[in-house]
Protein backbone atom coordinates (compact mmCIF):
# COMPACT_ATOMS: atom_id res chain seq x y z
CA UNK A 1 0.37 -0.05 -0.05
CA UNK A 2 1.29 3.06 -1.20
CA UNK A 3 2.61 5.71 2.07
CA UNK A 4 2.66 10.02 0.86
CA UNK A 5 4.00 12.53 3.85
CA UNK A 6 2.15 15.61 4.67
CA UNK A 7 3.55 18.45 6.56
CA UNK A 8 1.46 19.06 9.06
CA UNK A 9 -0.53 17.04 11.75
CA UNK A 10 -3.26 15.19 10.30
CA UNK A 11 -7.09 14.38 11.84
CA UNK A 12 -9.65 11.67 11.93
CA UNK A 13 -12.58 13.12 8.53
CA UNK A 14 -10.09 15.69 7.64
CA UNK A 15 -10.05 15.84 3.64
CA UNK A 16 -6.91 17.74 2.67
CA UNK A 17 -5.92 18.12 -1.57
CA UNK A 18 -3.22 16.11 -2.26
CA UNK A 19 -0.15 18.34 -4.03
CA UNK A 20 0.57 18.43 -7.50
CA UNK A 21 3.35 15.42 -7.38
CA UNK A 22 1.11 13.18 -5.40
CA UNK A 23 -2.02 13.29 -6.84
CA UNK A 24 -0.47 12.72 -10.50
CA UNK A 25 1.43 9.94 -9.02
CA UNK A 26 -1.74 7.93 -7.56
CA UNK A 27 -3.93 9.01 -10.70
CA UNK A 28 -1.02 8.46 -13.81
CA UNK A 29 0.99 6.56 -12.61
CA UNK A 30 -0.64 4.11 -10.34
CA UNK A 31 -4.06 4.28 -12.32
CA UNK A 32 -6.27 4.73 -9.12
CA UNK A 33 -9.70 5.30 -8.73
CA UNK A 34 -11.78 7.19 -6.14
CA UNK A 35 -12.14 4.88 -3.10
CA UNK A 36 -8.60 3.69 -3.03
CA UNK A 37 -6.86 3.60 -0.04
CA UNK A 38 -3.74 4.73 0.84
CA UNK A 39 -1.35 5.46 3.69
CA UNK A 40 -0.64 9.31 4.61
CA UNK A 41 1.68 9.92 7.41
CA UNK A 42 1.55 13.46 9.23
CA UNK A 43 4.89 15.55 11.00
CA UNK A 44 3.68 14.44 14.24
CA UNK A 45 5.26 10.64 12.71
CA UNK A 46 1.55 9.28 12.84
CA UNK A 47 0.58 6.74 10.45
CA UNK A 48 -4.10 7.29 9.07
CA UNK A 49 -5.39 5.27 6.38
CA UNK A 50 -6.76 7.39 4.11
CA UNK A 51 -9.53 7.09 0.90
CA UNK A 52 -8.79 8.67 -2.98
CA UNK A 53 -11.46 11.89 -3.66
CA UNK A 54 -11.27 12.83 -7.19
CA UNK A 55 -13.13 16.32 -7.78
CA UNK A 56 -12.66 17.26 -11.25
CA UNK A 57 -9.35 18.13 -12.13
CA UNK A 58 -8.14 17.90 -7.94
CA UNK A 59 -7.59 14.99 -5.38
CA UNK A 60 -8.22 14.48 -2.02
CA UNK A 61 -7.28 12.42 1.00
CA UNK A 62 -10.46 11.48 2.84
CA UNK A 63 -8.39 10.51 6.61
CA UNK A 64 -9.90 7.31 8.09
CA UNK A 65 -8.89 6.32 10.68
CA UNK A 66 -5.07 6.17 12.21
CA UNK A 67 -3.41 2.76 12.28
CA UNK A 68 -1.72 1.96 15.32
CA UNK A 69 1.64 1.14 14.32
CA UNK A 70 5.13 1.31 15.68
CA UNK A 71 8.17 1.47 13.75
CA UNK A 72 10.20 2.40 16.19
CA UNK A 73 13.23 -0.87 16.89
CA UNK A 74 12.46 -2.79 19.86
CA UNK A 75 15.88 -2.56 20.90
CA UNK A 76 17.85 0.93 21.93
CA UNK A 77 20.96 0.89 19.58
CA UNK A 78 23.89 2.82 20.08
CA UNK A 79 26.20 3.60 16.37
CA UNK A 80 29.30 5.34 17.40
CA UNK A 81 32.08 5.83 14.46
């Protein structure tokens, strides 16, 4: 599942306009249709499930629900050079 990044915090039921590059990737490259699901990560590091909404020449992400995923390692690692 594709994941895109948003530079501000996201909230459930928010509808955000996708930037031109992300919209082109969704619609032209991946050939996604309205209703396709994808992941959105926000500036706080939270990941959400989003639905693609198409209106005329614009693409939007409707934020559906948070995904409870932890990308942190289970052990503490110290790297020394």
